[in-house]
Amino acid sequence: MTISRAVPNIKSERPAETRDFFVKLLGFEVAMDMGWVVTLASPTNPSVQVTIISNDDMAAPGISIGVPDVDAVHAKAVEEGFEIVYPLRDEEWGVRRFMLREPSGTVVNVVSHRSD
């Protein structure tokens, strides 16, 4: 299976301060800002990213894994009996995703970007 990226998701009650920490101290740049979710990326290695989530989205704290075929991963997760904590669905911001809990309890947000 191809994995396009793995991104830690931080839940923050102070998203602007969290963003500024990564930007000012470590040199990250804002790659996406939707208000409630901000993705920061390294300017020299854009696949190195951190996402800050400030609402109640279940993806944080946790990790997001980008894959080319989220439906195939979902089918395999169901077949293996993993706990699906957020159903497979298309989101209005252009991704298709679902979330499951890995054995230690961390929420894993499995996502593909839609091309339509």
PDB file of N, CA and C in Angstrom:
ATOM      1  N   MET A   1       0.832  -1.177   0.000  1.00  0.00           N
ATOM      2  CA  MET A   1       0.000   0.000   0.000  1.00  0.00           C
ATOM      3  C   MET A   1       0.878   1.241   0.000  1.00  0.00           C
ATOM      4  N   THR A   2       0.466   2.231  -0.751  1.00  0.00           N
ATOM      5  CA  THR A   2       1.179   3.498  -0.802  1.00  0.00           C
ATOM      6  C   THR A   2       0.617   4.437   0.254  1.00  0.00           C
ATOM      7  N   ILE A   3       1.506   5.050   0.996  1.00  0.00           N
ATOM      8  CA  ILE A   3       1.111   6.062   1.981  1.00  0.00           C
ATOM      9  C   ILE A   3       1.689   7.379   1.508  1.00  0.00           C
ATOM     10  N   SER A   4       0.824   8.369   1.295  1.00  0.00           N
ATOM     11  CA  SER A   4       1.302   9.652   0.790  1.00  0.00           C
ATOM     12  C   SER A   4       1.830  10.553   1.895  1.00  0.00           C
ATOM     13  N   ARG A   5       1.307  10.376   3.117  1.00  0.00           N
ATOM     14  CA  ARG A   5       1.803  11.179   4.230  1.00  0.00           C
ATOM     15  C   ARG A   5       1.255  10.638   5.533  1.00  0.00           C
ATOM     16  N   ALA A   6       1.934  10.937   6.610  1.00  0.00           N
ATOM     17  CA  ALA A   6       1.484  10.646   7.961  1.00  0.00           C
ATOM     18  C   ALA A   6       1.710  11.914   8.765  1.00  0.00           C
ATOM     19  N   VAL A   7       0.637  12.451   9.332  1.00  0.00           N
ATOM     20  CA  VAL A   7       0.688  13.762   9.967  1.00  0.00           C
ATOM     21  C   VAL A   7       0.136  13.680  11.386  1.00  0.00           C
ATOM     22  N   PRO A   8       0.898  14.108  12.383  1.00  0.00           N
ATOM     23  CA  PRO A   8       0.336  14.156  13.729  1.00  0.00           C
ATOM     24  C   PRO A   8      -0.699  15.284  13.818  1.00  0.00           C
ATOM     25  N   ASN A   9      -1.793  14.989  14.513  1.00  0.00           N
ATOM     26  CA  ASN A   9      -2.861  15.968  14.723  1.00  0.00           C
ATOM     27  C   ASN A   9      -2.854  16.392  16.182  1.00  0.00           C
ATOM     28  N   ILE A  10      -2.711  17.671  16.412  1.00  0.00           N
ATOM     29  CA  ILE A  10      -2.682  18.228  17.758  1.00  0.00           C
ATOM     30  C   ILE A  10      -4.009  18.927  18.019  1.00  0.00           C
ATOM     31  N   LYS A  11      -4.628  18.616  19.154  1.00  0.00           N
ATOM     32  CA  LYS A  11      -5.825  19.355  19.565  1.00  0.00           C
ATOM     33  C   LYS A  11      -5.348  20.536  20.398  1.00  0.00           C
ATOM     34  N   SER A  12      -5.844  21.723  20.055  1.00  0.00           N
ATOM     35  CA  SER A  12      -5.395  22.916  20.766  1.00  0.00           C
ATOM     36  C   SER A  12      -6.562  23.823  21.121  1.00  0.00           C
ATOM     37  N   GLU A  13      -6.602  24.217  22.364  1.00  0.00           N
ATOM     38  CA  GLU A  13      -7.554  25.233  22.822  1.00  0.00           C
ATOM     39  C   GLU A  13      -7.023  26.629  22.491  1.00  0.00           C
ATOM     40  N   ARG A  14      -5.750  26.708  22.127  1.00  0.00           N
ATOM     41  CA  ARG A  14      -5.096  27.972  21.777  1.00  0.00           C
ATOM     42  C   ARG A  14      -4.410  27.812  20.423  1.00  0.00           C
ATOM     43  N   PRO A  15      -5.203  27.651  19.346  1.00  0.00           N
ATOM     44  CA  PRO A  15      -4.631  27.321  18.040  1.00  0.00           C
ATOM     45  C   PRO A  15      -3.668  28.359  17.487  1.00  0.00           C
ATOM     46  N   ALA A  16      -3.930  29.637  17.696  1.00  0.00           N
ATOM     47  CA  ALA A  16      -3.025  30.668  17.175  1.00  0.00           C
ATOM     48  C   ALA A  16      -1.662  30.574  17.855  1.00  0.00           C
ATOM     49  N   GLU A  17      -1.664  30.358  19.164  1.00  0.00           N
ATOM     50  CA  GLU A  17      -0.401  30.227  19.890  1.00  0.00           C
ATOM     51  C   GLU A  17       0.330  28.956  19.486  1.00  0.00           C
ATOM     52  N   THR A  18      -0.414  27.879  19.270  1.00  0.00           N
ATOM     53  CA  THR A  18       0.205  26.629  18.840  1.00  0.00           C
ATOM     54  C   THR A  18       0.814  26.802  17.451  1.00  0.00           C
ATOM     55  N   ARG A  19       0.060  27.436  16.549  1.00  0.00           N
ATOM     56  CA  ARG A  19       0.579  27.719  15.196  1.00  0.00           C
ATOM     57  C   ARG A  19       1.847  28.547  15.285  1.00  0.00           C
ATOM     58  N   ASP A  20       1.810  29.615  16.063  1.00  0.00           N
ATOM     59  CA  ASP A  20       2.968  30.499  16.176  1.00  0.00           C
ATOM     60  C   ASP A  20       4.191  29.786  16.746  1.00  0.00           C
ATOM     61  N   PHE A  21       3.970  28.865  17.664  1.00  0.00           N
ATOM     62  CA  PHE A  21       5.079  28.072  18.206  1.00  0.00           C
ATOM     63  C   PHE A  21       5.818  27.354  17.085  1.00  0.00           C
ATOM     64  N   PHE A  22       5.070  26.637  16.244  1.00  0.00           N
ATOM     65  CA  PHE A  22       5.690  25.878  15.163  1.00  0.00           C
ATOM     66  C   PHE A  22       6.259  26.779  14.071  1.00  0.00           C
ATOM     67  N   VAL A  23       5.598  27.904  13.798  1.00  0.00           N
ATOM     68  CA  VAL A  23       6.048  28.819  12.743  1.00  0.00           C
ATOM     69  C   VAL A  23       7.277  29.613  13.201  1.00  0.00           C
ATOM     70  N   LYS A  24       7.158  30.272  14.335  1.00  0.00           N
ATOM     71  CA  LYS A  24       8.221  31.179  14.778  1.00  0.00           C
ATOM     72  C   LYS A  24       9.444  30.451  15.325  1.00  0.00           C
ATOM     73  N   LEU A  25       9.225  29.389  16.080  1.00  0.00           N
ATOM     74  CA  LEU A  25      10.351  28.693  16.687  1.00  0.00           C
ATOM     75  C   LEU A  25      11.004  27.696  15.735  1.00  0.00           C
ATOM     76  N   LEU A  26      10.177  26.949  14.991  1.00  0.00           N
ATOM     77  CA  LEU A  26      10.712  25.842  14.204  1.00  0.00           C
ATOM     78  C   LEU A  26      10.721  26.083  12.698  1.00  0.00           C
ATOM     79  N   GLY A  27      10.133  27.181  12.243  1.00  0.00           N
ATOM     80  CA  GLY A  27      10.212  27.537  10.837  1.00  0.00           C
ATOM     81  C   GLY A  27       9.189  26.897   9.914  1.00  0.00           C
ATOM     82  N   PHE A  28       8.141  26.299  10.489  1.00  0.00           N
ATOM     83  CA  PHE A  28       7.077  25.756   9.641  1.00  0.00           C
ATOM     84  C   PHE A  28       6.353  26.897   8.933  1.00  0.00           C
ATOM     85  N   GLU A  29       5.689  26.553   7.829  1.00  0.00           N
ATOM     86  CA  GLU A  29       4.854  27.514   7.098  1.00  0.00           C
ATOM     87  C   GLU A  29       3.425  27.003   7.074  1.00  0.00           C
ATOM     88  N   VAL A  30       2.462  27.932   7.014  1.00  0.00           N
ATOM     89  CA  VAL A  30       1.056  27.544   6.927  1.00  0.00           C
ATOM     90  C   VAL A  30       0.790  27.015   5.514  1.00  0.00           C
ATOM     91  N   ALA A  31       0.375  25.747   5.432  1.00  0.00           N
ATOM     92  CA  ALA A  31       0.063  25.127   4.145  1.00  0.00           C
ATOM     93  C   ALA A  31      -1.437  25.170   3.859  1.00  0.00           C
ATOM     94  N   MET A  32      -2.256  25.134   4.925  1.00  0.00           N
ATOM     95  CA  MET A  32      -3.706  25.190   4.793  1.00  0.00           C
ATOM     96  C   MET A  32      -4.266  25.776   6.069  1.00  0.00           C
ATOM     97  N   ASP A  33      -5.254  26.663   5.930  1.00  0.00           N
ATOM     98  CA  ASP A  33      -5.904  27.242   7.099  1.00  0.00           C
ATOM     99  C   ASP A  33      -7.395  27.355   6.814  1.00  0.00           C
ATOM    100  N   MET A  34      -8.179  26.501   7.478  1.00  0.00           N
ATOM    101  CA  MET A  34      -9.633  26.525   7.324  1.00  0.00           C
ATOM    102  C   MET A  34     -10.302  27.088   8.568  1.00  0.00           C
ATOM    103  N   GLY A  35      -9.541  27.769   9.402  1.00  0.00           N
ATOM    104  CA  GLY A  35     -10.086  28.331  10.628  1.00  0.00           C
ATOM    105  C   GLY A  35     -10.012  27.339  11.777  1.00  0.00           C
ATOM    106  N   TRP A  36     -10.769  26.270  11.691  1.00  0.00           N
ATOM    107  CA  TRP A  36     -10.790  25.257  12.751  1.00  0.00           C
ATOM    108  C   TRP A  36      -9.661  24.237  12.620  1.00  0.00           C
ATOM    109  N   VAL A  37      -9.028  24.201  11.458  1.00  0.00           N
ATOM    110  CA  VAL A  37      -7.918  23.278  11.232  1.00  0.00           C
ATOM    111  C   VAL A  37      -6.838  24.006  10.433  1.00  0.00           C
ATOM    112  N   VAL A  38      -5.604  23.890  10.899  1.00  0.00           N
ATOM    113  CA  VAL A  38      -4.460  24.504  10.231  1.00  0.00           C
ATOM    114  C   VAL A  38      -3.399  23.425  10.029  1.00  0.00           C
ATOM    115  N   THR A  39      -2.914  23.298   8.810  1.00  0.00           N
ATOM    116  CA  THR A  39      -1.815  22.377   8.543  1.00  0.00           C
ATOM    117  C   THR A  39      -0.562  23.195   8.271  1.00  0.00           C
ATOM    118  N   LEU A  40       0.487  22.842   8.969  1.00  0.00           N
ATOM    119  CA  LEU A  40       1.784  23.492   8.822  1.00  0.00           C
ATOM    120  C   LEU A  40       2.726  22.526   8.126  1.00  0.00           C
ATOM    121  N   ALA A  41       3.626  23.055   7.302  1.00  0.00           N
ATOM    122  CA  ALA A  41       4.568  22.213   6.568  1.00  0.00           C
ATOM    123  C   ALA A  41       5.958  22.816   6.618  1.00  0.00           C
ATOM    124  N   SER A  42       6.934  21.943   6.561  1.00  0.00           N
ATOM    125  CA  SER A  42       8.324  22.383   6.473  1.00  0.00           C
ATOM    126  C   SER A  42       8.538  23.025   5.102  1.00  0.00           C
ATOM    127  N   PRO A  43       9.178  24.189   5.042  1.00  0.00           N
ATOM    128  CA  PRO A  43       9.419  24.822   3.749  1.00  0.00           C
ATOM    129  C   PRO A  43      10.444  24.069   2.896  1.00  0.00           C
ATOM    130  N   THR A  44      11.289  23.277   3.521  1.00  0.00           N
ATOM    131  CA  THR A  44      12.306  22.547   2.773  1.00  0.00           C
ATOM    132  C   THR A  44      11.917  21.097   2.490  1.00  0.00           C
ATOM    133  N   ASN A  45      10.925  20.592   3.216  1.00  0.00           N
ATOM    134  CA  ASN A  45      10.452  19.213   3.022  1.00  0.00           C
ATOM    135  C   ASN A  45       8.946  19.218   3.282  1.00  0.00           C
ATOM    136  N   PRO A  46       8.134  19.595   2.288  1.00  0.00           N
ATOM    137  CA  PRO A  46       6.695  19.795   2.495  1.00  0.00           C
ATOM    138  C   PRO A  46       5.926  18.571   2.990  1.00  0.00           C
ATOM    139  N   SER A  47       6.522  17.387   2.896  1.00  0.00           N
ATOM    140  CA  SER A  47       5.821  16.215   3.423  1.00  0.00           C
ATOM    141  C   SER A  47       5.919  16.125   4.944  1.00  0.00           C
ATOM    142  N   VAL A  48       6.767  16.947   5.548  1.00  0.00           N
ATOM    143  CA  VAL A  48       6.858  17.026   7.005  1.00  0.00           C
ATOM    144  C   VAL A  48       5.820  18.041   7.457  1.00  0.00           C
ATOM    145  N   GLN A  49       4.777  17.557   8.133  1.00  0.00           N
ATOM    146  CA  GLN A  49       3.644  18.406   8.473  1.00  0.00           C
ATOM    147  C   GLN A  49       3.160  18.157   9.893  1.00  0.00           C
ATOM    148  N   VAL A  50       2.449  19.139  10.424  1.00  0.00           N
ATOM    149  CA  VAL A  50       1.739  19.067  11.696  1.00  0.00           C
ATOM    150  C   VAL A  50       0.387  19.723  11.462  1.00  0.00           C
ATOM    151  N   THR A  51      -0.669  19.103  11.977  1.00  0.00           N
ATOM    152  CA  THR A  51      -1.999  19.700  11.876  1.00  0.00           C
ATOM    153  C   THR A  51      -2.488  20.076  13.261  1.00  0.00           C
ATOM    154  N   ILE A  52      -3.055  21.277  13.355  1.00  0.00           N
ATOM    155  CA  ILE A  52      -3.610  21.794  14.607  1.00  0.00           C
ATOM    156  C   ILE A  52      -5.119  21.870  14.435  1.00  0.00           C
ATOM    157  N   ILE A  53      -5.849  21.213  15.330  1.00  0.00           N
ATOM    158  CA  ILE A  53      -7.309  21.176  15.261  1.00  0.00           C
ATOM    159  C   ILE A  53      -7.867  21.830  16.512  1.00  0.00           C
ATOM    160  N   SER A  54      -8.762  22.816  16.314  1.00  0.00           N
ATOM    161  CA  SER A  54      -9.259  23.572  17.454  1.00  0.00           C
ATOM    162  C   SER A  54     -10.735  23.321  17.760  1.00  0.00           C
ATOM    163  N   ASN A  55     -11.373  22.408  17.039  1.00  0.00           N
ATOM    164  CA  ASN A  55     -12.767  22.107  17.375  1.00  0.00           C
ATOM    165  C   ASN A  55     -12.842  20.682  17.909  1.00  0.00           C
ATOM    166  N   ASP A  56     -14.016  20.091  17.872  1.00  0.00           N
ATOM    167  CA  ASP A  56     -14.191  18.762  18.452  1.00  0.00           C
ATOM    168  C   ASP A  56     -14.013  17.627  17.445  1.00  0.00           C
ATOM    169  N   ASP A  57     -13.344  17.874  16.311  1.00  0.00           N
ATOM    170  CA  ASP A  57     -13.091  16.822  15.337  1.00  0.00           C
ATOM    171  C   ASP A  57     -12.318  15.693  16.015  1.00  0.00           C
ATOM    172  N   MET A  58     -12.787  14.473  15.828  1.00  0.00           N
ATOM    173  CA  MET A  58     -12.194  13.307  16.491  1.00  0.00           C
ATOM    174  C   MET A  58     -10.772  12.995  16.043  1.00  0.00           C
ATOM    175  N   ALA A  59     -10.299  13.615  14.979  1.00  0.00           N
ATOM    176  CA  ALA A  59      -8.955  13.316  14.467  1.00  0.00           C
ATOM    177  C   ALA A  59      -7.858  13.802  15.396  1.00  0.00           C
ATOM    178  N   ALA A  60      -8.205  14.621  16.381  1.00  0.00           N
ATOM    179  CA  ALA A  60      -7.188  15.138  17.295  1.00  0.00           C
ATOM    180  C   ALA A  60      -7.600  14.913  18.740  1.00  0.00           C
ATOM    181  N   PRO A  61      -6.675  14.489  19.564  1.00  0.00           N
ATOM    182  CA  PRO A  61      -5.320  14.127  19.161  1.00  0.00           C
ATOM    183  C   PRO A  61      -5.323  12.810  18.407  1.00  0.00           C
ATOM    184  N   GLY A  62      -4.379  12.671  17.532  1.00  0.00           N
ATOM    185  CA  GLY A  62      -4.277  11.457  16.736  1.00  0.00           C
ATOM    186  C   GLY A  62      -3.301  11.637  15.604  1.00  0.00           C
ATOM    187  N   ILE A  63      -3.503  10.854  14.562  1.00  0.00           N
ATOM    188  CA  ILE A  63      -2.629  10.913  13.397  1.00  0.00           C
ATOM    189  C   ILE A  63      -3.487  10.752  12.153  1.00  0.00           C
ATOM    190  N   SER A  64      -3.137  11.486  11.108  1.00  0.00           N
ATOM    191  CA  SER A  64      -3.795  11.333   9.811  1.00  0.00           C
ATOM    192  C   SER A  64      -2.847  10.613   8.868  1.00  0.00           C
ATOM    193  N   ILE A  65      -3.392   9.630   8.163  1.00  0.00           N
ATOM    194  CA  ILE A  65      -2.625   8.865   7.190  1.00  0.00           C
ATOM    195  C   ILE A  65      -3.268   9.074   5.828  1.00  0.00           C
ATOM    196  N   GLY A  66      -2.527   9.630   4.889  1.00  0.00           N
ATOM    197  CA  GLY A  66      -3.016   9.836   3.535  1.00  0.00           C
ATOM    198  C   GLY A  66      -2.745   8.612   2.678  1.00  0.00           C
ATOM    199  N   VAL A  67      -3.783   8.126   2.026  1.00  0.00           N
ATOM    200  CA  VAL A  67      -3.666   6.947   1.160  1.00  0.00           C
ATOM    201  C   VAL A  67      -4.376   7.233  -0.158  1.00  0.00           C
ATOM    202  N   PRO A  68      -3.996   6.546  -1.232  1.00  0.00           N
ATOM    203  CA  PRO A  68      -4.651   6.798  -2.514  1.00  0.00           C
ATOM    204  C   PRO A  68      -6.067   6.222  -2.598  1.00  0.00           C
ATOM    205  N   ASP A  69      -6.380   5.155  -1.821  1.00  0.00           N
ATOM    206  CA  ASP A  69      -7.684   4.493  -1.911  1.00  0.00           C
ATOM    207  C   ASP A  69      -8.235   4.239  -0.514  1.00  0.00           C
ATOM    208  N   VAL A  70      -8.904   5.243   0.039  1.00  0.00           N
ATOM    209  CA  VAL A  70      -9.440   5.140   1.392  1.00  0.00           C
ATOM    210  C   VAL A  70     -10.501   4.043   1.489  1.00  0.00           C
ATOM    211  N   ASP A  71     -11.238   3.805   0.409  1.00  0.00           N
ATOM    212  CA  ASP A  71     -12.272   2.772   0.436  1.00  0.00           C
ATOM    213  C   ASP A  71     -11.663   1.383   0.654  1.00  0.00           C
ATOM    214  N   ALA A  72     -10.536   1.117   0.012  1.00  0.00           N
ATOM    215  CA  ALA A  72      -9.876  -0.176   0.174  1.00  0.00           C
ATOM    216  C   ALA A  72      -9.367  -0.359   1.600  1.00  0.00           C
ATOM    217  N   VAL A  73      -8.812   0.699   2.184  1.00  0.00           N
ATOM    218  CA  VAL A  73      -8.323   0.616   3.567  1.00  0.00           C
ATOM    219  C   VAL A  73      -9.506   0.418   4.512  1.00  0.00           C
ATOM    220  N   HIS A  74     -10.606   1.116   4.260  1.00  0.00           N
ATOM    221  CA  HIS A  74     -11.796   0.965   5.090  1.00  0.00           C
ATOM    222  C   HIS A  74     -12.292  -0.484   5.042  1.00  0.00           C
ATOM    223  N   ALA A  75     -12.391  -1.046   3.842  1.00  0.00           N
ATOM    224  CA  ALA A  75     -12.856  -2.433   3.703  1.00  0.00           C
ATOM    225  C   ALA A  75     -11.955  -3.393   4.486  1.00  0.00           C
ATOM    226  N   LYS A  76     -10.653  -3.182   4.411  1.00  0.00           N
ATOM    227  CA  LYS A  76      -9.705  -4.039   5.126  1.00  0.00           C
ATOM    228  C   LYS A  76      -9.845  -3.862   6.637  1.00  0.00           C
ATOM    229  N   ALA A  77     -10.039  -2.617   7.103  1.00  0.00           N
ATOM    230  CA  ALA A  77     -10.203  -2.352   8.536  1.00  0.00           C
ATOM    231  C   ALA A  77     -11.453  -3.040   9.075  1.00  0.00           C
ATOM    232  N   VAL A  78     -12.550  -2.982   8.307  1.00  0.00           N
ATOM    233  CA  VAL A  78     -13.797  -3.645   8.709  1.00  0.00           C
ATOM    234  C   VAL A  78     -13.585  -5.157   8.738  1.00  0.00           C
ATOM    235  N   GLU A  79     -12.955  -5.674   7.709  1.00  0.00           N
ATOM    236  CA  GLU A  79     -12.684  -7.115   7.629  1.00  0.00           C
ATOM    237  C   GLU A  79     -11.852  -7.596   8.811  1.00  0.00           C
ATOM    238  N   GLU A  80     -10.883  -6.770   9.225  1.00  0.00           N
ATOM    239  CA  GLU A  80     -10.004  -7.129  10.344  1.00  0.00           C
ATOM    240  C   GLU A  80     -10.659  -6.898  11.707  1.00  0.00           C
ATOM    241  N   GLY A  81     -11.816  -6.248  11.714  1.00  0.00           N
ATOM    242  CA  GLY A  81     -12.549  -6.039  12.963  1.00  0.00           C
ATOM    243  C   GLY A  81     -12.095  -4.862  13.801  1.00  0.00           C
ATOM    244  N   PHE A  82     -11.400  -3.893  13.193  1.00  0.00           N
ATOM    245  CA  PHE A  82     -10.992  -2.713  13.949  1.00  0.00           C
ATOM    246  C   PHE A  82     -12.198  -1.836  14.270  1.00  0.00           C
ATOM    247  N   GLU A  83     -12.115  -1.111  15.369  1.00  0.00           N
ATOM    248  CA  GLU A  83     -13.200  -0.240  15.798  1.00  0.00           C
ATOM    249  C   GLU A  83     -13.234   1.023  14.926  1.00  0.00           C
ATOM    250  N   ILE A  84     -14.282   1.165  14.153  1.00  0.00           N
ATOM    251  CA  ILE A  84     -14.487   2.366  13.337  1.00  0.00           C
ATOM    252  C   ILE A  84     -15.176   3.387  14.228  1.00  0.00           C
ATOM    253  N   VAL A  85     -14.534   4.538  14.448  1.00  0.00           N
ATOM    254  CA  VAL A  85     -15.094   5.546  15.345  1.00  0.00           C
ATOM    255  C   VAL A  85     -15.714   6.724  14.595  1.00  0.00           C
ATOM    256  N   TYR A  86     -15.499   6.771  13.278  1.00  0.00           N
ATOM    257  CA  TYR A  86     -16.082   7.808  12.431  1.00  0.00           C
ATOM    258  C   TYR A  86     -16.290   7.153  11.076  1.00  0.00           C
ATOM    259  N   PRO A  87     -17.529   7.133  10.585  1.00  0.00           N
ATOM    260  CA  PRO A  87     -17.814   6.374   9.363  1.00  0.00           C
ATOM    261  C   PRO A  87     -17.178   6.978   8.111  1.00  0.00           C
ATOM    262  N   LEU A  88     -16.999   6.119   7.126  1.00  0.00           N
ATOM    263  CA  LEU A  88     -16.476   6.536   5.829  1.00  0.00           C
ATOM    264  C   LEU A  88     -17.437   7.538   5.207  1.00  0.00           C
ATOM    265  N   ARG A  89     -16.896   8.684   4.816  1.00  0.00           N
ATOM    266  CA  ARG A  89     -17.749   9.716   4.223  1.00  0.00           C
ATOM    267  C   ARG A  89     -16.935  10.727   3.444  1.00  0.00           C
ATOM    268  N   ASP A  90     -17.624  11.422   2.549  1.00  0.00           N
ATOM    269  CA  ASP A  90     -17.040  12.534   1.810  1.00  0.00           C
ATOM    270  C   ASP A  90     -17.258  13.805   2.614  1.00  0.00           C
ATOM    271  N   GLU A  91     -16.197  14.558   2.829  1.00  0.00           N
ATOM    272  CA  GLU A  91     -16.290  15.809   3.575  1.00  0.00           C
ATOM    273  C   GLU A  91     -16.392  16.974   2.596  1.00  0.00           C
ATOM    274  N   GLU A  92     -17.015  18.036   3.028  1.00  0.00           N
ATOM    275  CA  GLU A  92     -17.246  19.197   2.154  1.00  0.00           C
ATOM    276  C   GLU A  92     -15.963  19.897   1.732  1.00  0.00           C
ATOM    277  N   TRP A  93     -14.854  19.658   2.433  1.00  0.00           N
ATOM    278  CA  TRP A  93     -13.598  20.327   2.079  1.00  0.00           C
ATOM    279  C   TRP A  93     -12.728  19.486   1.141  1.00  0.00           C
ATOM    280  N   GLY A  94     -13.318  18.459   0.521  1.00  0.00           N
ATOM    281  CA  GLY A  94     -12.632  17.767  -0.566  1.00  0.00           C
ATOM    282  C   GLY A  94     -11.883  16.503  -0.224  1.00  0.00           C
ATOM    283  N   VAL A  95     -12.169  15.914   0.921  1.00  0.00           N
ATOM    284  CA  VAL A  95     -11.535  14.650   1.263  1.00  0.00           C
ATOM    285  C   VAL A  95     -12.597  13.582   1.507  1.00  0.00           C
ATOM    286  N   ARG A  96     -12.181  12.335   1.379  1.00  0.00           N
ATOM    287  CA  ARG A  96     -12.986  11.184   1.774  1.00  0.00           C
ATOM    288  C   ARG A  96     -12.202  10.532   2.897  1.00  0.00           C
ATOM    289  N   ARG A  97     -12.871  10.255   4.023  1.00  0.00           N
ATOM    290  CA  ARG A  97     -12.129   9.750   5.167  1.00  0.00           C
ATOM    291  C   ARG A  97     -12.994   8.892   6.072  1.00  0.00           C
ATOM    292  N   PHE A  98     -12.301   8.179   6.946  1.00  0.00           N
ATOM    293  CA  PHE A  98     -12.923   7.502   8.076  1.00  0.00           C
ATOM    294  C   PHE A  98     -11.885   7.480   9.187  1.00  0.00           C
ATOM    295  N   MET A  99     -12.334   7.180  10.388  1.00  0.00           N
ATOM    296  CA  MET A  99     -11.404   7.101  11.514  1.00  0.00           C
ATOM    297  C   MET A  99     -11.617   5.787  12.244  1.00  0.00           C
ATOM    298  N   LEU A 100     -10.518   5.245  12.714  1.00  0.00           N
ATOM    299  CA  LEU A 100     -10.562   4.033  13.504  1.00  0.00           C
ATOM    300  C   LEU A 100      -9.613   4.178  14.668  1.00  0.00           C
ATOM    301  N   ARG A 101      -9.774   3.276  15.612  1.00  0.00           N
ATOM    302  CA  ARG A 101      -8.902   3.296  16.787  1.00  0.00           C
ATOM    303  C   ARG A 101      -7.898   2.162  16.626  1.00  0.00           C
ATOM    304  N   GLU A 102      -6.605   2.502  16.732  1.00  0.00           N
ATOM    305  CA  GLU A 102      -5.581   1.467  16.674  1.00  0.00           C
ATOM    306  C   GLU A 102      -5.488   0.806  18.050  1.00  0.00           C
ATOM    307  N   PRO A 103      -4.813  -0.345  18.161  1.00  0.00           N
ATOM    308  CA  PRO A 103      -4.865  -1.128  19.398  1.00  0.00           C
ATOM    309  C   PRO A 103      -4.503  -0.394  20.690  1.00  0.00           C
ATOM    310  N   SER A 104      -3.643   0.619  20.652  1.00  0.00           N
ATOM    311  CA  SER A 104      -3.308   1.325  21.895  1.00  0.00           C
ATOM    312  C   SER A 104      -4.315   2.418  22.231  1.00  0.00           C
ATOM    313  N   GLY A 105      -5.268   2.684  21.321  1.00  0.00           N
ATOM    314  CA  GLY A 105      -6.320   3.661  21.596  1.00  0.00           C
ATOM    315  C   GLY A 105      -6.240   4.942  20.797  1.00  0.00           C
ATOM    316  N   THR A 106      -5.161   5.154  20.071  1.00  0.00           N
ATOM    317  CA  THR A 106      -5.014   6.379  19.286  1.00  0.00           C
ATOM    318  C   THR A 106      -5.965   6.367  18.093  1.00  0.00           C
ATOM    319  N   VAL A 107      -6.604   7.510  17.835  1.00  0.00           N
ATOM    320  CA  VAL A 107      -7.480   7.640  16.681  1.00  0.00           C
ATOM    321  C   VAL A 107      -6.620   7.875  15.440  1.00  0.00           C
ATOM    322  N   VAL A 108      -6.904   7.087  14.390  1.00  0.00           N
ATOM    323  CA  VAL A 108      -6.211   7.210  13.116  1.00  0.00           C
ATOM    324  C   VAL A 108      -7.228   7.686  12.083  1.00  0.00           C
ATOM    325  N   ASN A 109      -6.968   8.840  11.510  1.00  0.00           N
ATOM    326  CA  ASN A 109      -7.805   9.452  10.484  1.00  0.00           C
ATOM    327  C   ASN A 109      -7.218   9.033   9.133  1.00  0.00           C
ATOM    328  N   VAL A 110      -7.919   8.157   8.414  1.00  0.00           N
ATOM    329  CA  VAL A 110      -7.432   7.680   7.120  1.00  0.00           C
ATOM    330  C   VAL A 110      -8.146   8.482   6.051  1.00  0.00           C
ATOM    331  N   VAL A 111      -7.368   9.100   5.163  1.00  0.00           N
ATOM    332  CA  VAL A 111      -7.929  10.111   4.266  1.00  0.00           C
ATOM    333  C   VAL A 111      -7.364  10.014   2.848  1.00  0.00           C
ATOM    334  N   SER A 112      -8.230  10.284   1.890  1.00  0.00           N
ATOM    335  CA  SER A 112      -7.817  10.465   0.489  1.00  0.00           C
ATOM    336  C   SER A 112      -8.405  11.789   0.014  1.00  0.00           C
ATOM    337  N   HIS A 113      -7.645  12.517  -0.785  1.00  0.00           N
ATOM    338  CA  HIS A 113      -8.167  13.735  -1.384  1.00  0.00           C
ATOM    339  C   HIS A 113      -8.983  13.352  -2.612  1.00  0.00           C
ATOM    340  N   ARG A 114     -10.180  13.912  -2.696  1.00  0.00           N
ATOM    341  CA  ARG A 114     -11.048  13.634  -3.854  1.00  0.00           C
ATOM    342  C   ARG A 114     -10.601  14.488  -5.021  1.00  0.00           C
ATOM    343  N   SER A 115     -10.743  13.955  -6.206  1.00  0.00           N
ATOM    344  CA  SER A 115     -10.366  14.704  -7.410  1.00  0.00           C
ATOM    345  C   SER A 115     -11.558  15.339  -8.091  1.00  0.00           C
ATOM    346  N   ASP A 116     -12.781  15.034  -7.611  1.00  0.00           N
ATOM    347  CA  ASP A 116     -13.974  15.581  -8.272  1.00  0.00           C
ATOM    348  C   ASP A 116     -14.299  16.987  -7.832  1.00  0.00           C
TER     349      ASP A 116
END
